[in-house]
Amino acid sequence: MPVLALECPDCGHQFLSLVMAGTKPPDVWVCSQCASQAVMPKPMPITHAHPWDGSGTYRSTCPCCSF
């Protein structure tokens, strides 16, 4: 499950989105701050493994989504 970094070119809001494995990412991303539909995913360096992707070593709640 990739975690994508998104940035709105209209208001500058930066946020993350999780795309479930086996699903198609949205054709249109919407900014959660200004509702702009010009949001595009940007390359994000992998700084940690997500515990749900099978490669994580976390034993408690998820550090990026609190589950």
PDB file of N, CA and C in Angstrom:
ATOM      1  N   MET A   1       0.840  -1.170   0.000  1.00  0.00           N
ATOM      2  CA  MET A   1       0.000   0.000   0.000  1.00  0.00           C
ATOM      3  C   MET A   1       0.889   1.239   0.000  1.00  0.00           C
ATOM      4  N   PRO A   2       0.984   1.898  -1.110  1.00  0.00           N
ATOM      5  CA  PRO A   2       1.828   3.086  -1.132  1.00  0.00           C
ATOM      6  C   PRO A   2       1.178   4.270  -0.429  1.00  0.00           C
ATOM      7  N   VAL A   3       1.994   5.016   0.272  1.00  0.00           N
ATOM      8  CA  VAL A   3       1.575   6.281   0.859  1.00  0.00           C
ATOM      9  C   VAL A   3       2.098   7.354  -0.077  1.00  0.00           C
ATOM     10  N   LEU A   4       1.193   8.171  -0.609  1.00  0.00           N
ATOM     11  CA  LEU A   4       1.572   9.200  -1.564  1.00  0.00           C
ATOM     12  C   LEU A   4       1.582  10.568  -0.906  1.00  0.00           C
ATOM     13  N   ALA A   5       2.592  11.357  -1.200  1.00  0.00           N
ATOM     14  CA  ALA A   5       2.647  12.756  -0.769  1.00  0.00           C
ATOM     15  C   ALA A   5       1.937  13.579  -1.835  1.00  0.00           C
ATOM     16  N   LEU A   6       1.066  14.470  -1.397  1.00  0.00           N
ATOM     17  CA  LEU A   6       0.312  15.313  -2.311  1.00  0.00           C
ATOM     18  C   LEU A   6       0.521  16.770  -1.926  1.00  0.00           C
ATOM     19  N   GLU A   7       0.521  17.641  -2.932  1.00  0.00           N
ATOM     20  CA  GLU A   7       0.643  19.071  -2.671  1.00  0.00           C
ATOM     21  C   GLU A   7      -0.291  19.826  -3.589  1.00  0.00           C
ATOM     22  N   CYS A   8      -1.030  20.755  -3.014  1.00  0.00           N
ATOM     23  CA  CYS A   8      -1.963  21.563  -3.789  1.00  0.00           C
ATOM     24  C   CYS A   8      -1.221  22.771  -4.357  1.00  0.00           C
ATOM     25  N   PRO A   9      -1.248  22.950  -5.678  1.00  0.00           N
ATOM     26  CA  PRO A   9      -0.564  24.104  -6.265  1.00  0.00           C
ATOM     27  C   PRO A   9      -1.305  25.417  -6.014  1.00  0.00           C
ATOM     28  N   ASP A  10      -2.575  25.333  -5.649  1.00  0.00           N
ATOM     29  CA  ASP A  10      -3.363  26.548  -5.439  1.00  0.00           C
ATOM     30  C   ASP A  10      -3.156  27.149  -4.051  1.00  0.00           C
ATOM     31  N   CYS A  11      -3.161  26.310  -2.989  1.00  0.00           N
ATOM     32  CA  CYS A  11      -3.036  26.847  -1.632  1.00  0.00           C
ATOM     33  C   CYS A  11      -1.763  26.393  -0.921  1.00  0.00           C
ATOM     34  N   GLY A  12      -1.006  25.446  -1.520  1.00  0.00           N
ATOM     35  CA  GLY A  12       0.241  24.987  -0.928  1.00  0.00           C
ATOM     36  C   GLY A  12       0.093  23.927   0.144  1.00  0.00           C
ATOM     37  N   HIS A  13      -1.146  23.482   0.418  1.00  0.00           N
ATOM     38  CA  HIS A  13      -1.380  22.458   1.436  1.00  0.00           C
ATOM     39  C   HIS A  13      -0.699  21.152   1.035  1.00  0.00           C
ATOM     40  N   GLN A  14       0.034  20.553   1.974  1.00  0.00           N
ATOM     41  CA  GLN A  14       0.698  19.272   1.743  1.00  0.00           C
ATOM     42  C   GLN A  14       0.054  18.224   2.645  1.00  0.00           C
ATOM     43  N   PHE A  15      -0.220  17.041   2.082  1.00  0.00           N
ATOM     44  CA  PHE A  15      -0.849  15.980   2.858  1.00  0.00           C
ATOM     45  C   PHE A  15      -0.477  14.629   2.276  1.00  0.00           C
ATOM     46  N   LEU A  16      -0.794  13.577   2.999  1.00  0.00           N
ATOM     47  CA  LEU A  16      -0.495  12.213   2.574  1.00  0.00           C
ATOM     48  C   LEU A  16      -1.785  11.479   2.261  1.00  0.00           C
ATOM     49  N   SER A  17      -1.712  10.513   1.374  1.00  0.00           N
ATOM     50  CA  SER A  17      -2.853   9.678   1.052  1.00  0.00           C
ATOM     51  C   SER A  17      -2.389   8.235   0.919  1.00  0.00           C
ATOM     52  N   LEU A  18      -3.183   7.338   1.401  1.00  0.00           N
ATOM     53  CA  LEU A  18      -2.903   5.909   1.321  1.00  0.00           C
ATOM     54  C   LEU A  18      -3.726   5.315   0.186  1.00  0.00           C
ATOM     55  N   VAL A  19      -3.082   4.572  -0.699  1.00  0.00           N
ATOM     56  CA  VAL A  19      -3.791   3.886  -1.785  1.00  0.00           C
ATOM     57  C   VAL A  19      -3.765   2.402  -1.454  1.00  0.00           C
ATOM     58  N   MET A  20      -4.926   1.825  -1.274  1.00  0.00           N
ATOM     59  CA  MET A  20      -5.026   0.417  -0.894  1.00  0.00           C
ATOM     60  C   MET A  20      -4.458  -0.475  -2.005  1.00  0.00           C
ATOM     61  N   ALA A  21      -3.807  -1.548  -1.608  1.00  0.00           N
ATOM     62  CA  ALA A  21      -3.228  -2.495  -2.553  1.00  0.00           C
ATOM     63  C   ALA A  21      -4.329  -3.060  -3.459  1.00  0.00           C
ATOM     64  N   GLY A  22      -4.033  -3.150  -4.727  1.00  0.00           N
ATOM     65  CA  GLY A  22      -4.981  -3.722  -5.685  1.00  0.00           C
ATOM     66  C   GLY A  22      -6.055  -2.757  -6.148  1.00  0.00           C
ATOM     67  N   THR A  23      -5.966  -1.482  -5.744  1.00  0.00           N
ATOM     68  CA  THR A  23      -6.955  -0.505  -6.192  1.00  0.00           C
ATOM     69  C   THR A  23      -6.291   0.512  -7.107  1.00  0.00           C
ATOM     70  N   LYS A  24      -7.101   1.198  -7.870  1.00  0.00           N
ATOM     71  CA  LYS A  24      -6.610   2.217  -8.793  1.00  0.00           C
ATOM     72  C   LYS A  24      -6.613   3.565  -8.073  1.00  0.00           C
ATOM     73  N   PRO A  25      -5.506   4.301  -8.135  1.00  0.00           N
ATOM     74  CA  PRO A  25      -5.504   5.648  -7.540  1.00  0.00           C
ATOM     75  C   PRO A  25      -6.537   6.527  -8.246  1.00  0.00           C
ATOM     76  N   PRO A  26      -7.047   7.550  -7.572  1.00  0.00           N
ATOM     77  CA  PRO A  26      -8.033   8.431  -8.203  1.00  0.00           C
ATOM     78  C   PRO A  26      -7.473   9.121  -9.445  1.00  0.00           C
ATOM     79  N   ASP A  27      -8.342   9.385 -10.399  1.00  0.00           N
ATOM     80  CA  ASP A  27      -7.944  10.154 -11.576  1.00  0.00           C
ATOM     81  C   ASP A  27      -7.796  11.628 -11.213  1.00  0.00           C
ATOM     82  N   VAL A  28      -8.606  12.085 -10.254  1.00  0.00           N
ATOM     83  CA  VAL A  28      -8.576  13.471  -9.804  1.00  0.00           C
ATOM     84  C   VAL A  28      -8.375  13.476  -8.295  1.00  0.00           C
ATOM     85  N   TRP A  29      -7.339  14.183  -7.836  1.00  0.00           N
ATOM     86  CA  TRP A  29      -7.091  14.344  -6.402  1.00  0.00           C
ATOM     87  C   TRP A  29      -7.678  15.688  -5.989  1.00  0.00           C
ATOM     88  N   VAL A  30      -8.296  15.738  -4.807  1.00  0.00           N
ATOM     89  CA  VAL A  30      -8.937  16.958  -4.326  1.00  0.00           C
ATOM     90  C   VAL A  30      -8.258  17.417  -3.047  1.00  0.00           C
ATOM     91  N   CYS A  31      -7.923  18.693  -2.973  1.00  0.00           N
ATOM     92  CA  CYS A  31      -7.287  19.265  -1.785  1.00  0.00           C
ATOM     93  C   CYS A  31      -8.295  19.292  -0.638  1.00  0.00           C
ATOM     94  N   SER A  32      -7.883  18.839   0.526  1.00  0.00           N
ATOM     95  CA  SER A  32      -8.764  18.816   1.683  1.00  0.00           C
ATOM     96  C   SER A  32      -8.905  20.193   2.340  1.00  0.00           C
ATOM     97  N   GLN A  33      -8.124  21.173   1.904  1.00  0.00           N
ATOM     98  CA  GLN A  33      -8.206  22.528   2.460  1.00  0.00           C
ATOM     99  C   GLN A  33      -9.039  23.463   1.590  1.00  0.00           C
ATOM    100  N   CYS A  34      -8.764  23.486   0.290  1.00  0.00           N
ATOM    101  CA  CYS A  34      -9.429  24.471  -0.579  1.00  0.00           C
ATOM    102  C   CYS A  34     -10.325  23.840  -1.648  1.00  0.00           C
ATOM    103  N   ALA A  35     -10.373  22.511  -1.703  1.00  0.00           N
ATOM    104  CA  ALA A  35     -11.199  21.758  -2.657  1.00  0.00           C
ATOM    105  C   ALA A  35     -10.732  21.884  -4.108  1.00  0.00           C
ATOM    106  N   SER A  36      -9.522  22.358  -4.327  1.00  0.00           N
ATOM    107  CA  SER A  36      -8.963  22.424  -5.674  1.00  0.00           C
ATOM    108  C   SER A  36      -8.804  21.009  -6.230  1.00  0.00           C
ATOM    109  N   GLN A  37      -9.030  20.871  -7.523  1.00  0.00           N
ATOM    110  CA  GLN A  37      -8.855  19.583  -8.180  1.00  0.00           C
ATOM    111  C   GLN A  37      -7.555  19.542  -8.984  1.00  0.00           C
ATOM    112  N   ALA A  38      -6.624  20.443  -8.669  1.00  0.00           N
ATOM    113  CA  ALA A  38      -5.347  20.513  -9.376  1.00  0.00           C
ATOM    114  C   ALA A  38      -4.233  19.784  -8.624  1.00  0.00           C
ATOM    115  N   VAL A  39      -4.571  19.057  -7.566  1.00  0.00           N
ATOM    116  CA  VAL A  39      -3.577  18.370  -6.739  1.00  0.00           C
ATOM    117  C   VAL A  39      -2.937  17.235  -7.521  1.00  0.00           C
ATOM    118  N   MET A  40      -1.615  17.112  -7.381  1.00  0.00           N
ATOM    119  CA  MET A  40      -0.872  16.043  -8.039  1.00  0.00           C
ATOM    120  C   MET A  40       0.037  15.363  -7.025  1.00  0.00           C
ATOM    121  N   PRO A  41       0.149  14.025  -7.098  1.00  0.00           N
ATOM    122  CA  PRO A  41       1.113  13.336  -6.233  1.00  0.00           C
ATOM    123  C   PRO A  41       2.527  13.789  -6.592  1.00  0.00           C
ATOM    124  N   LYS A  42       3.390  13.862  -5.593  1.00  0.00           N
ATOM    125  CA  LYS A  42       4.785  14.204  -5.844  1.00  0.00           C
ATOM    126  C   LYS A  42       5.666  13.087  -5.305  1.00  0.00           C
ATOM    127  N   PRO A  43       6.844  12.912  -5.850  1.00  0.00           N
ATOM    128  CA  PRO A  43       7.725  11.867  -5.358  1.00  0.00           C
ATOM    129  C   PRO A  43       8.026  12.074  -3.875  1.00  0.00           C
ATOM    130  N   MET A  44       8.002  10.980  -3.126  1.00  0.00           N
ATOM    131  CA  MET A  44       8.239  11.056  -1.693  1.00  0.00           C
ATOM    132  C   MET A  44       9.294  10.036  -1.327  1.00  0.00           C
ATOM    133  N   PRO A  45      10.385  10.472  -0.685  1.00  0.00           N
ATOM    134  CA  PRO A  45      11.387   9.484  -0.270  1.00  0.00           C
ATOM    135  C   PRO A  45      10.823   8.554   0.789  1.00  0.00           C
ATOM    136  N   ILE A  46      11.149   7.284   0.701  1.00  0.00           N
ATOM    137  CA  ILE A  46      10.691   6.311   1.682  1.00  0.00           C
ATOM    138  C   ILE A  46      11.541   6.476   2.938  1.00  0.00           C
ATOM    139  N   THR A  47      10.912   6.903   4.014  1.00  0.00           N
ATOM    140  CA  THR A  47      11.648   7.093   5.263  1.00  0.00           C
ATOM    141  C   THR A  47      11.356   5.997   6.274  1.00  0.00           C
ATOM    142  N   HIS A  48      10.257   5.281   6.073  1.00  0.00           N
ATOM    143  CA  HIS A  48       9.921   4.164   6.957  1.00  0.00           C
ATOM    144  C   HIS A  48       8.958   3.231   6.232  1.00  0.00           C
ATOM    145  N   ALA A  49       8.900   2.017   6.694  1.00  0.00           N
ATOM    146  CA  ALA A  49       7.975   1.049   6.106  1.00  0.00           C
ATOM    147  C   ALA A  49       6.631   1.151   6.816  1.00  0.00           C
ATOM    148  N   HIS A  50       5.572   1.026   6.076  1.00  0.00           N
ATOM    149  CA  HIS A  50       4.247   1.022   6.677  1.00  0.00           C
ATOM    150  C   HIS A  50       4.010  -0.359   7.266  1.00  0.00           C
ATOM    151  N   PRO A  51       3.495  -0.435   8.492  1.00  0.00           N
ATOM    152  CA  PRO A  51       3.346  -1.742   9.143  1.00  0.00           C
ATOM    153  C   PRO A  51       2.385  -2.677   8.423  1.00  0.00           C
ATOM    154  N   TRP A  52       1.481  -2.142   7.624  1.00  0.00           N
ATOM    155  CA  TRP A  52       0.516  -2.998   6.956  1.00  0.00           C
ATOM    156  C   TRP A  52       1.034  -3.571   5.646  1.00  0.00           C
ATOM    157  N   ASP A  53       2.215  -3.161   5.195  1.00  0.00           N
ATOM    158  CA  ASP A  53       2.711  -3.677   3.928  1.00  0.00           C
ATOM    159  C   ASP A  53       3.548  -4.942   4.099  1.00  0.00           C
ATOM    160  N   GLY A  54       3.649  -5.422   5.331  1.00  0.00           N
ATOM    161  CA  GLY A  54       4.364  -6.668   5.569  1.00  0.00           C
ATOM    162  C   GLY A  54       5.833  -6.494   5.854  1.00  0.00           C
ATOM    163  N   SER A  55       6.366  -5.278   5.666  1.00  0.00           N
ATOM    164  CA  SER A  55       7.784  -5.074   5.896  1.00  0.00           C
ATOM    165  C   SER A  55       8.063  -4.261   7.156  1.00  0.00           C
ATOM    166  N   GLY A  56       7.017  -3.794   7.828  1.00  0.00           N
ATOM    167  CA  GLY A  56       7.197  -2.978   9.025  1.00  0.00           C
ATOM    168  C   GLY A  56       7.566  -3.819  10.233  1.00  0.00           C
ATOM    169  N   THR A  57       8.134  -3.166  11.212  1.00  0.00           N
ATOM    170  CA  THR A  57       8.515  -3.854  12.443  1.00  0.00           C
ATOM    171  C   THR A  57       7.813  -3.245  13.644  1.00  0.00           C
ATOM    172  N   TYR A  58       6.728  -2.483  13.406  1.00  0.00           N
ATOM    173  CA  TYR A  58       6.019  -1.826  14.493  1.00  0.00           C
ATOM    174  C   TYR A  58       5.197  -2.839  15.278  1.00  0.00           C
ATOM    175  N   ARG A  59       5.137  -2.652  16.567  1.00  0.00           N
ATOM    176  CA  ARG A  59       4.373  -3.562  17.410  1.00  0.00           C
ATOM    177  C   ARG A  59       3.173  -2.864  18.052  1.00  0.00           C
ATOM    178  N   SER A  60       3.041  -1.573  17.849  1.00  0.00           N
ATOM    179  CA  SER A  60       1.913  -0.856  18.424  1.00  0.00           C
ATOM    180  C   SER A  60       1.167  -0.132  17.310  1.00  0.00           C
ATOM    181  N   THR A  61       0.635   1.048  17.590  1.00  0.00           N
ATOM    182  CA  THR A  61      -0.134   1.772  16.577  1.00  0.00           C
ATOM    183  C   THR A  61       0.762   2.268  15.452  1.00  0.00           C
ATOM    184  N   CYS A  62       0.171   2.473  14.332  1.00  0.00           N
ATOM    185  CA  CYS A  62       0.886   2.943  13.151  1.00  0.00           C
ATOM    186  C   CYS A  62       1.327   4.387  13.359  1.00  0.00           C
ATOM    187  N   PRO A  63       2.595   4.718  13.126  1.00  0.00           N
ATOM    188  CA  PRO A  63       3.073   6.075  13.332  1.00  0.00           C
ATOM    189  C   PRO A  63       2.572   7.077  12.310  1.00  0.00           C
ATOM    190  N   CYS A  64       2.081   6.608  11.149  1.00  0.00           N
ATOM    191  CA  CYS A  64       1.649   7.580  10.147  1.00  0.00           C
ATOM    192  C   CYS A  64       0.124   7.717  10.063  1.00  0.00           C
ATOM    193  N   CYS A  65      -0.628   6.719  10.505  1.00  0.00           N
ATOM    194  CA  CYS A  65      -2.082   6.834  10.415  1.00  0.00           C
ATOM    195  C   CYS A  65      -2.785   6.491  11.727  1.00  0.00           C
ATOM    196  N   SER A  66      -2.051   6.189  12.778  1.00  0.00           N
ATOM    197  CA  SER A  66      -2.551   5.968  14.132  1.00  0.00           C
ATOM    198  C   SER A  66      -3.496   4.782  14.280  1.00  0.00           C
ATOM    199  N   PHE A  67      -3.398   3.804  13.408  1.00  0.00           N
ATOM    200  CA  PHE A  67      -4.199   2.582  13.567  1.00  0.00           C
ATOM    201  C   PHE A  67      -3.368   1.460  14.107  1.00  0.00           C
TER     202      PHE A  67
END
